[in-house]
Amino acid sequence: MTTPAAVAHGGAGPGPDRQHNVEAAVQRAAEILQAGGSAVEAAIEACVLLEDDPVFNAGTGAVFRNDGSILLDASLQTSDGRMGFVIAMRDTPNPIRVAADLLDEEINGLVGDGARDWADARGHPKAAVEGRPPKDESGDTVGVIARD
């Protein structure tokens, strides 16, 4: 029997103190696991919390590319070999939710406009991501691992 657990990161390197932001995400995952939720659910919800935090280069805090656009990526893998991912997706504050919905699909990865079209067809919220300059000392990308 394994002990439910979760870990998260908010990137590496210099920047503002973001430890409390990461700890909040781990706490959210722990609450889900303690309530009997799955590791997948815990990882998704912790990642959403990090994507919603503008200090990280993910979701709402994504940095502008050289051309001024914002393209988002997310992936989710499970211990039984399933995966879902989106790459270069626009207008999606929580791309991890779209990646999660691809876990049980025949096609498990989508890119660019095709990813956004697929998300639209399944009711995923579409909203512009404000973004931020890449060199503003904010945090880096995010990651979450959970086990149940």
N, C-alpha and C. Protein backbone atom coordinates (compact mmCIF):
# COMPACT_ATOMS: atom_id res chain seq x y z
N MET A 1 0.84 -1.18 0.00
CA MET A 1 0.00 0.00 0.00
C MET A 1 0.89 1.25 0.00
N THR A 2 0.59 2.16 -0.90
CA THR A 2 1.36 3.40 -0.96
C THR A 2 0.65 4.51 -0.19
N THR A 3 1.43 5.44 0.25
CA THR A 3 0.89 6.61 0.94
C THR A 3 0.60 7.68 -0.10
N PRO A 4 -0.62 8.22 -0.13
CA PRO A 4 -0.91 9.31 -1.06
C PRO A 4 0.05 10.47 -0.83
N ALA A 5 0.50 11.06 -1.91
CA ALA A 5 1.46 12.17 -1.80
C ALA A 5 1.37 13.04 -3.04
N ALA A 6 1.85 14.27 -2.90
CA ALA A 6 1.91 15.19 -4.03
C ALA A 6 3.12 16.11 -3.86
N VAL A 7 3.75 16.42 -4.97
CA VAL A 7 4.82 17.41 -5.00
C VAL A 7 4.55 18.33 -6.19
N ALA A 8 5.06 19.54 -6.11
CA ALA A 8 4.89 20.50 -7.20
C ALA A 8 6.13 21.36 -7.29
N HIS A 9 6.31 21.99 -8.44
CA HIS A 9 7.40 22.96 -8.59
C HIS A 9 6.90 24.14 -9.39
N GLY A 10 7.57 25.24 -9.20
CA GLY A 10 7.25 26.47 -9.92
C GLY A 10 8.46 27.00 -10.66
N GLY A 11 9.27 26.10 -11.16
CA GLY A 11 10.44 26.50 -11.91
C GLY A 11 11.66 26.62 -11.02
N ALA A 12 12.74 27.03 -11.63
CA ALA A 12 14.00 27.17 -10.91
C ALA A 12 14.61 28.52 -11.25
N GLY A 13 15.60 28.90 -10.48
CA GLY A 13 16.31 30.12 -10.78
C GLY A 13 15.80 31.31 -9.99
N PRO A 14 16.36 32.48 -10.28
CA PRO A 14 16.01 33.68 -9.51
C PRO A 14 14.59 34.14 -9.79
N GLY A 15 14.07 34.90 -8.89
CA GLY A 15 12.73 35.43 -9.04
C GLY A 15 12.12 35.67 -7.68
N PRO A 16 10.90 36.11 -7.66
CA PRO A 16 10.26 36.40 -6.38
C PRO A 16 10.04 35.12 -5.58
N ASP A 17 9.90 35.28 -4.30
CA ASP A 17 9.61 34.13 -3.44
C ASP A 17 8.24 33.58 -3.83
N ARG A 18 8.22 32.38 -4.33
CA ARG A 18 6.97 31.78 -4.76
C ARG A 18 6.68 30.46 -4.04
N GLN A 19 7.43 30.21 -2.98
CA GLN A 19 7.27 28.96 -2.25
C GLN A 19 5.85 28.80 -1.73
N HIS A 20 5.28 29.89 -1.20
CA HIS A 20 3.92 29.78 -0.66
C HIS A 20 2.90 29.46 -1.75
N ASN A 21 3.15 29.91 -2.98
CA ASN A 21 2.25 29.61 -4.10
C ASN A 21 2.28 28.11 -4.42
N VAL A 22 3.49 27.55 -4.42
CA VAL A 22 3.65 26.12 -4.69
C VAL A 22 3.06 25.30 -3.55
N GLU A 23 3.29 25.73 -2.32
CA GLU A 23 2.73 25.02 -1.16
C GLU A 23 1.21 25.01 -1.20
N ALA A 24 0.59 26.07 -1.67
CA ALA A 24 -0.87 26.11 -1.78
C ALA A 24 -1.36 25.06 -2.78
N ALA A 25 -0.63 24.88 -3.87
CA ALA A 25 -1.00 23.87 -4.86
C ALA A 25 -0.85 22.46 -4.28
N VAL A 26 0.23 22.21 -3.55
CA VAL A 26 0.42 20.91 -2.92
C VAL A 26 -0.67 20.66 -1.88
N GLN A 27 -1.03 21.67 -1.14
CA GLN A 27 -2.10 21.54 -0.15
C GLN A 27 -3.42 21.17 -0.82
N ARG A 28 -3.71 21.80 -1.96
CA ARG A 28 -4.94 21.48 -2.70
C ARG A 28 -4.92 20.02 -3.14
N ALA A 29 -3.80 19.56 -3.66
CA ALA A 29 -3.68 18.16 -4.08
C ALA A 29 -3.86 17.24 -2.88
N ALA A 30 -3.25 17.58 -1.75
CA ALA A 30 -3.36 16.75 -0.54
C ALA A 30 -4.81 16.65 -0.08
N GLU A 31 -5.53 17.75 -0.13
CA GLU A 31 -6.95 17.73 0.27
C GLU A 31 -7.75 16.78 -0.61
N ILE A 32 -7.49 16.80 -1.89
CA ILE A 32 -8.20 15.91 -2.82
C ILE A 32 -7.86 14.46 -2.52
N LEU A 33 -6.58 14.17 -2.32
CA LEU A 33 -6.15 12.80 -2.02
C LEU A 33 -6.73 12.32 -0.69
N GLN A 34 -6.72 13.18 0.33
CA GLN A 34 -7.26 12.80 1.64
C GLN A 34 -8.76 12.55 1.59
N ALA A 35 -9.44 13.20 0.65
CA ALA A 35 -10.89 13.00 0.50
C ALA A 35 -11.21 11.79 -0.37
N GLY A 36 -10.17 11.07 -0.81
CA GLY A 36 -10.39 9.87 -1.62
C GLY A 36 -10.31 10.11 -3.11
N GLY A 37 -9.93 11.32 -3.51
CA GLY A 37 -9.80 11.62 -4.93
C GLY A 37 -8.59 10.92 -5.53
N SER A 38 -8.57 10.87 -6.84
CA SER A 38 -7.47 10.18 -7.54
C SER A 38 -6.25 11.08 -7.67
N ALA A 39 -5.12 10.44 -7.94
CA ALA A 39 -3.89 11.19 -8.17
C ALA A 39 -4.03 12.08 -9.40
N VAL A 40 -4.72 11.59 -10.42
CA VAL A 40 -4.93 12.40 -11.63
C VAL A 40 -5.72 13.65 -11.29
N GLU A 41 -6.81 13.49 -10.57
CA GLU A 41 -7.62 14.64 -10.17
C GLU A 41 -6.79 15.62 -9.33
N ALA A 42 -6.03 15.10 -8.39
CA ALA A 42 -5.21 15.95 -7.52
C ALA A 42 -4.17 16.72 -8.33
N ALA A 43 -3.52 16.05 -9.27
CA ALA A 43 -2.50 16.72 -10.08
C ALA A 43 -3.12 17.80 -10.96
N ILE A 44 -4.26 17.49 -11.55
CA ILE A 44 -4.93 18.49 -12.41
C ILE A 44 -5.30 19.72 -11.61
N GLU A 45 -5.95 19.53 -10.48
CA GLU A 45 -6.42 20.68 -9.70
C GLU A 45 -5.26 21.50 -9.12
N ALA A 46 -4.18 20.84 -8.73
CA ALA A 46 -3.01 21.58 -8.27
C ALA A 46 -2.40 22.38 -9.42
N CYS A 47 -2.35 21.78 -10.59
CA CYS A 47 -1.81 22.48 -11.75
C CYS A 47 -2.69 23.67 -12.13
N VAL A 48 -4.00 23.51 -12.05
CA VAL A 48 -4.92 24.62 -12.33
C VAL A 48 -4.62 25.79 -11.39
N LEU A 49 -4.41 25.48 -10.13
CA LEU A 49 -4.08 26.54 -9.16
C LEU A 49 -2.81 27.28 -9.58
N LEU A 50 -1.82 26.55 -10.05
CA LEU A 50 -0.58 27.18 -10.51
C LEU A 50 -0.79 27.94 -11.82
N GLU A 51 -1.58 27.38 -12.73
CA GLU A 51 -1.88 28.08 -13.99
C GLU A 51 -2.65 29.38 -13.75
N ASP A 52 -3.45 29.40 -12.71
CA ASP A 52 -4.23 30.60 -12.38
C ASP A 52 -3.41 31.66 -11.65
N ASP A 53 -2.19 31.34 -11.28
CA ASP A 53 -1.33 32.25 -10.53
C ASP A 53 -0.40 32.96 -11.52
N PRO A 54 -0.52 34.27 -11.66
CA PRO A 54 0.26 34.98 -12.68
C PRO A 54 1.77 35.01 -12.45
N VAL A 55 2.24 34.53 -11.32
CA VAL A 55 3.69 34.54 -11.06
C VAL A 55 4.42 33.46 -11.86
N PHE A 56 3.69 32.47 -12.37
CA PHE A 56 4.32 31.36 -13.08
C PHE A 56 4.13 31.49 -14.59
N ASN A 57 5.09 30.96 -15.34
CA ASN A 57 5.02 30.94 -16.80
C ASN A 57 4.17 29.75 -17.23
N ALA A 58 2.89 29.85 -16.94
CA ALA A 58 1.92 28.81 -17.27
C ALA A 58 0.54 29.45 -17.19
N GLY A 59 -0.37 29.07 -18.07
CA GLY A 59 -1.72 29.62 -17.99
C GLY A 59 -1.72 31.14 -18.00
N THR A 60 -2.35 31.73 -17.00
CA THR A 60 -2.53 33.18 -16.97
C THR A 60 -1.23 33.96 -16.88
N GLY A 61 -0.17 33.35 -16.42
CA GLY A 61 1.11 34.05 -16.29
C GLY A 61 2.09 33.78 -17.42
N ALA A 62 1.61 33.17 -18.49
CA ALA A 62 2.51 32.81 -19.59
C ALA A 62 3.23 34.04 -20.15
N VAL A 63 4.44 33.84 -20.57
CA VAL A 63 5.23 34.95 -21.11
C VAL A 63 5.01 35.10 -22.62
N PHE A 64 5.18 36.34 -23.07
CA PHE A 64 5.06 36.63 -24.50
C PHE A 64 6.21 35.98 -25.26
N ARG A 65 5.89 35.50 -26.45
CA ARG A 65 6.93 35.02 -27.36
C ARG A 65 7.55 36.23 -28.05
N ASN A 66 8.58 36.02 -28.82
CA ASN A 66 9.25 37.12 -29.52
C ASN A 66 8.30 37.93 -30.39
N ASP A 67 7.28 37.28 -30.95
CA ASP A 67 6.34 37.98 -31.82
C ASP A 67 5.16 38.59 -31.04
N GLY A 68 5.19 38.51 -29.71
CA GLY A 68 4.13 39.09 -28.88
C GLY A 68 2.97 38.17 -28.61
N SER A 69 2.96 37.00 -29.21
CA SER A 69 1.86 36.05 -28.99
C SER A 69 2.10 35.25 -27.70
N ILE A 70 1.05 34.58 -27.28
CA ILE A 70 1.14 33.69 -26.12
C ILE A 70 0.65 32.32 -26.58
N LEU A 71 1.50 31.33 -26.47
CA LEU A 71 1.15 29.95 -26.81
C LEU A 71 1.36 29.10 -25.57
N LEU A 72 0.40 28.25 -25.30
CA LEU A 72 0.39 27.47 -24.06
C LEU A 72 0.55 25.98 -24.34
N ASP A 73 1.23 25.31 -23.43
CA ASP A 73 1.43 23.86 -23.51
C ASP A 73 1.02 23.24 -22.19
N ALA A 74 0.59 21.99 -22.24
CA ALA A 74 0.33 21.23 -21.02
C ALA A 74 0.35 19.75 -21.37
N SER A 75 0.73 18.94 -20.41
CA SER A 75 0.69 17.49 -20.61
C SER A 75 0.34 16.81 -19.30
N LEU A 76 -0.23 15.63 -19.45
CA LEU A 76 -0.61 14.82 -18.29
C LEU A 76 -0.33 13.37 -18.63
N GLN A 77 0.38 12.70 -17.74
CA GLN A 77 0.67 11.28 -17.92
C GLN A 77 0.22 10.54 -16.67
N THR A 78 -0.20 9.30 -16.86
CA THR A 78 -0.64 8.47 -15.74
C THR A 78 0.27 7.26 -15.59
N SER A 79 0.20 6.63 -14.44
CA SER A 79 1.06 5.47 -14.18
C SER A 79 0.68 4.26 -15.03
N ASP A 80 -0.52 4.27 -15.61
CA ASP A 80 -0.92 3.15 -16.46
C ASP A 80 -0.65 3.41 -17.95
N GLY A 81 0.12 4.46 -18.24
CA GLY A 81 0.56 4.69 -19.60
C GLY A 81 -0.30 5.61 -20.45
N ARG A 82 -1.36 6.15 -19.89
CA ARG A 82 -2.19 7.09 -20.66
C ARG A 82 -1.53 8.46 -20.65
N MET A 83 -1.79 9.22 -21.69
CA MET A 83 -1.28 10.59 -21.72
C MET A 83 -2.17 11.46 -22.58
N GLY A 84 -2.10 12.75 -22.30
CA GLY A 84 -2.77 13.75 -23.11
C GLY A 84 -1.90 14.99 -23.10
N PHE A 85 -1.83 15.67 -24.25
CA PHE A 85 -1.03 16.89 -24.28
C PHE A 85 -1.56 17.87 -25.32
N VAL A 86 -1.30 19.13 -25.06
CA VAL A 86 -1.58 20.20 -26.01
C VAL A 86 -0.32 21.05 -26.13
N ILE A 87 -0.08 21.53 -27.34
CA ILE A 87 1.11 22.33 -27.61
C ILE A 87 0.70 23.55 -28.43
N ALA A 88 1.29 24.69 -28.11
CA ALA A 88 1.09 25.94 -28.87
C ALA A 88 -0.39 26.30 -28.97
N MET A 89 -1.09 26.20 -27.87
CA MET A 89 -2.53 26.48 -27.81
C MET A 89 -2.75 27.93 -27.40
N ARG A 90 -3.72 28.57 -28.00
CA ARG A 90 -4.05 29.97 -27.68
C ARG A 90 -5.31 30.04 -26.83
N ASP A 91 -5.45 31.17 -26.14
CA ASP A 91 -6.71 31.54 -25.48
C ASP A 91 -7.27 30.47 -24.55
N THR A 92 -6.39 29.88 -23.75
CA THR A 92 -6.80 28.79 -22.86
C THR A 92 -6.09 28.96 -21.52
N PRO A 93 -6.75 29.60 -20.55
CA PRO A 93 -6.09 29.84 -19.26
C PRO A 93 -5.67 28.56 -18.52
N ASN A 94 -6.37 27.45 -18.77
CA ASN A 94 -6.05 26.19 -18.09
C ASN A 94 -5.87 25.06 -19.11
N PRO A 95 -4.77 25.07 -19.84
CA PRO A 95 -4.56 24.02 -20.84
C PRO A 95 -4.45 22.63 -20.24
N ILE A 96 -4.13 22.52 -18.95
CA ILE A 96 -4.06 21.19 -18.33
C ILE A 96 -5.40 20.48 -18.39
N ARG A 97 -6.50 21.23 -18.31
CA ARG A 97 -7.83 20.60 -18.39
C ARG A 97 -8.08 20.00 -19.78
N VAL A 98 -7.60 20.66 -20.80
CA VAL A 98 -7.75 20.13 -22.16
C VAL A 98 -6.88 18.88 -22.31
N ALA A 99 -5.65 18.95 -21.83
CA ALA A 99 -4.76 17.78 -21.88
C ALA A 99 -5.39 16.60 -21.14
N ALA A 100 -6.00 16.87 -20.00
CA ALA A 100 -6.64 15.81 -19.21
C ALA A 100 -7.77 15.15 -19.98
N ASP A 101 -8.53 15.94 -20.73
CA ASP A 101 -9.63 15.37 -21.50
C ASP A 101 -9.16 14.51 -22.66
N LEU A 102 -7.90 14.62 -23.01
CA LEU A 102 -7.34 13.79 -24.08
C LEU A 102 -6.85 12.43 -23.59
N LEU A 103 -6.83 12.21 -22.29
CA LEU A 103 -6.29 10.96 -21.74
C LEU A 103 -6.92 9.71 -22.36
N ASP A 104 -8.20 9.73 -22.58
CA ASP A 104 -8.90 8.54 -23.05
C ASP A 104 -9.36 8.64 -24.50
N GLU A 105 -8.80 9.59 -25.23
CA GLU A 105 -9.14 9.76 -26.64
C GLU A 105 -8.20 8.93 -27.52
N GLU A 106 -8.64 8.64 -28.73
CA GLU A 106 -7.80 7.92 -29.67
C GLU A 106 -6.57 8.75 -30.04
N ILE A 107 -6.78 10.05 -30.21
CA ILE A 107 -5.68 10.98 -30.46
C ILE A 107 -5.37 11.63 -29.13
N ASN A 108 -4.15 11.48 -28.66
CA ASN A 108 -3.85 11.98 -27.31
C ASN A 108 -3.07 13.29 -27.29
N GLY A 109 -2.80 13.86 -28.47
CA GLY A 109 -2.10 15.13 -28.50
C GLY A 109 -2.62 16.02 -29.61
N LEU A 110 -2.70 17.31 -29.31
CA LEU A 110 -3.17 18.29 -30.28
C LEU A 110 -2.28 19.52 -30.25
N VAL A 111 -2.20 20.19 -31.40
CA VAL A 111 -1.31 21.34 -31.53
C VAL A 111 -2.06 22.54 -32.13
N GLY A 112 -1.73 23.73 -31.63
CA GLY A 112 -2.18 24.98 -32.23
C GLY A 112 -3.69 25.13 -32.33
N ASP A 113 -4.13 25.62 -33.50
CA ASP A 113 -5.56 25.88 -33.69
C ASP A 113 -6.39 24.61 -33.57
N GLY A 114 -5.83 23.48 -33.94
CA GLY A 114 -6.56 22.21 -33.79
C GLY A 114 -6.86 21.90 -32.34
N ALA A 115 -5.93 22.24 -31.46
CA ALA A 115 -6.16 22.04 -30.02
C ALA A 115 -7.28 22.95 -29.54
N ARG A 116 -7.27 24.22 -29.97
CA ARG A 116 -8.31 25.16 -29.54
C ARG A 116 -9.66 24.76 -30.11
N ASP A 117 -9.71 24.32 -31.37
CA ASP A 117 -10.97 23.88 -31.97
C ASP A 117 -11.55 22.69 -31.21
N TRP A 118 -10.70 21.74 -30.87
CA TRP A 118 -11.14 20.56 -30.12
C TRP A 118 -11.68 20.98 -28.76
N ALA A 119 -10.97 21.89 -28.10
CA ALA A 119 -11.40 22.39 -26.79
C ALA A 119 -12.74 23.12 -26.90
N ASP A 120 -12.91 23.92 -27.95
CA ASP A 120 -14.18 24.63 -28.16
C ASP A 120 -15.33 23.64 -28.30
N ALA A 121 -15.11 22.58 -29.07
CA ALA A 121 -16.16 21.59 -29.31
C ALA A 121 -16.56 20.85 -28.04
N ARG A 122 -15.70 20.86 -27.04
CA ARG A 122 -15.98 20.17 -25.78
C ARG A 122 -16.28 21.12 -24.63
N GLY A 123 -16.46 22.39 -24.95
CA GLY A 123 -16.90 23.35 -23.94
C GLY A 123 -15.85 23.90 -23.01
N HIS A 124 -14.59 23.78 -23.38
CA HIS A 124 -13.54 24.36 -22.53
C HIS A 124 -13.58 25.88 -22.67
N PRO A 125 -13.45 26.60 -21.56
CA PRO A 125 -13.49 28.06 -21.63
C PRO A 125 -12.42 28.62 -22.56
N LYS A 126 -12.85 29.60 -23.33
CA LYS A 126 -11.92 30.31 -24.21
C LYS A 126 -11.81 31.73 -23.69
N ALA A 127 -10.61 32.14 -23.37
CA ALA A 127 -10.38 33.49 -22.87
C ALA A 127 -8.96 33.90 -23.19
N ALA A 128 -8.80 35.14 -23.54
CA ALA A 128 -7.46 35.65 -23.81
C ALA A 128 -6.62 35.55 -22.55
N VAL A 129 -5.38 35.19 -22.72
CA VAL A 129 -4.43 35.14 -21.62
C VAL A 129 -3.60 36.42 -21.72
N GLU A 130 -3.61 37.22 -20.66
CA GLU A 130 -2.93 38.52 -20.70
C GLU A 130 -1.43 38.39 -20.91
N GLY A 131 -0.82 37.48 -20.23
CA GLY A 131 0.61 37.28 -20.38
C GLY A 131 1.45 38.37 -19.74
N ARG A 132 2.76 38.21 -19.91
CA ARG A 132 3.70 39.16 -19.32
C ARG A 132 5.03 39.08 -20.06
N PRO A 133 5.87 40.11 -19.88
CA PRO A 133 7.18 40.08 -20.54
C PRO A 133 8.02 38.91 -20.00
N PRO A 134 8.88 38.35 -20.84
CA PRO A 134 9.66 37.18 -20.40
C PRO A 134 10.74 37.47 -19.38
N LYS A 135 11.17 38.67 -19.23
CA LYS A 135 12.28 38.95 -18.32
C LYS A 135 11.84 39.84 -17.17
N ASP A 136 10.73 39.51 -16.55
CA ASP A 136 10.26 40.36 -15.45
C ASP A 136 10.51 39.73 -14.08
N GLU A 137 11.42 38.75 -14.02
CA GLU A 137 11.79 38.11 -12.75
C GLU A 137 10.67 37.28 -12.13
N SER A 138 9.68 36.90 -12.92
CA SER A 138 8.63 36.04 -12.40
C SER A 138 9.06 34.59 -12.48
N GLY A 139 8.24 33.72 -11.92
CA GLY A 139 8.56 32.31 -11.87
C GLY A 139 8.56 31.65 -13.23
N ASP A 140 8.99 30.43 -13.23
CA ASP A 140 9.12 29.65 -14.44
C ASP A 140 7.88 28.76 -14.59
N THR A 141 7.98 27.77 -15.45
CA THR A 141 6.88 26.86 -15.70
C THR A 141 6.56 26.03 -14.45
N VAL A 142 5.53 25.21 -14.53
CA VAL A 142 5.07 24.47 -13.35
C VAL A 142 5.01 22.97 -13.63
N GLY A 143 4.95 22.20 -12.55
CA GLY A 143 4.78 20.76 -12.66
C GLY A 143 4.23 20.20 -11.37
N VAL A 144 3.45 19.13 -11.49
CA VAL A 144 2.85 18.48 -10.32
C VAL A 144 2.95 16.97 -10.51
N ILE A 145 3.29 16.27 -9.46
CA ILE A 145 3.26 14.81 -9.44
C ILE A 145 2.44 14.40 -8.23
N ALA A 146 1.53 13.45 -8.45
CA ALA A 146 0.71 12.96 -7.34
C ALA A 146 0.59 11.44 -7.45
N ARG A 147 0.44 10.80 -6.30
CA ARG A 147 0.16 9.36 -6.28
C ARG A 147 -0.94 9.12 -5.26
N ASP A 148 -1.78 8.14 -5.58
CA ASP A 148 -2.87 7.80 -4.66
C ASP A 148 -2.70 6.40 -4.12
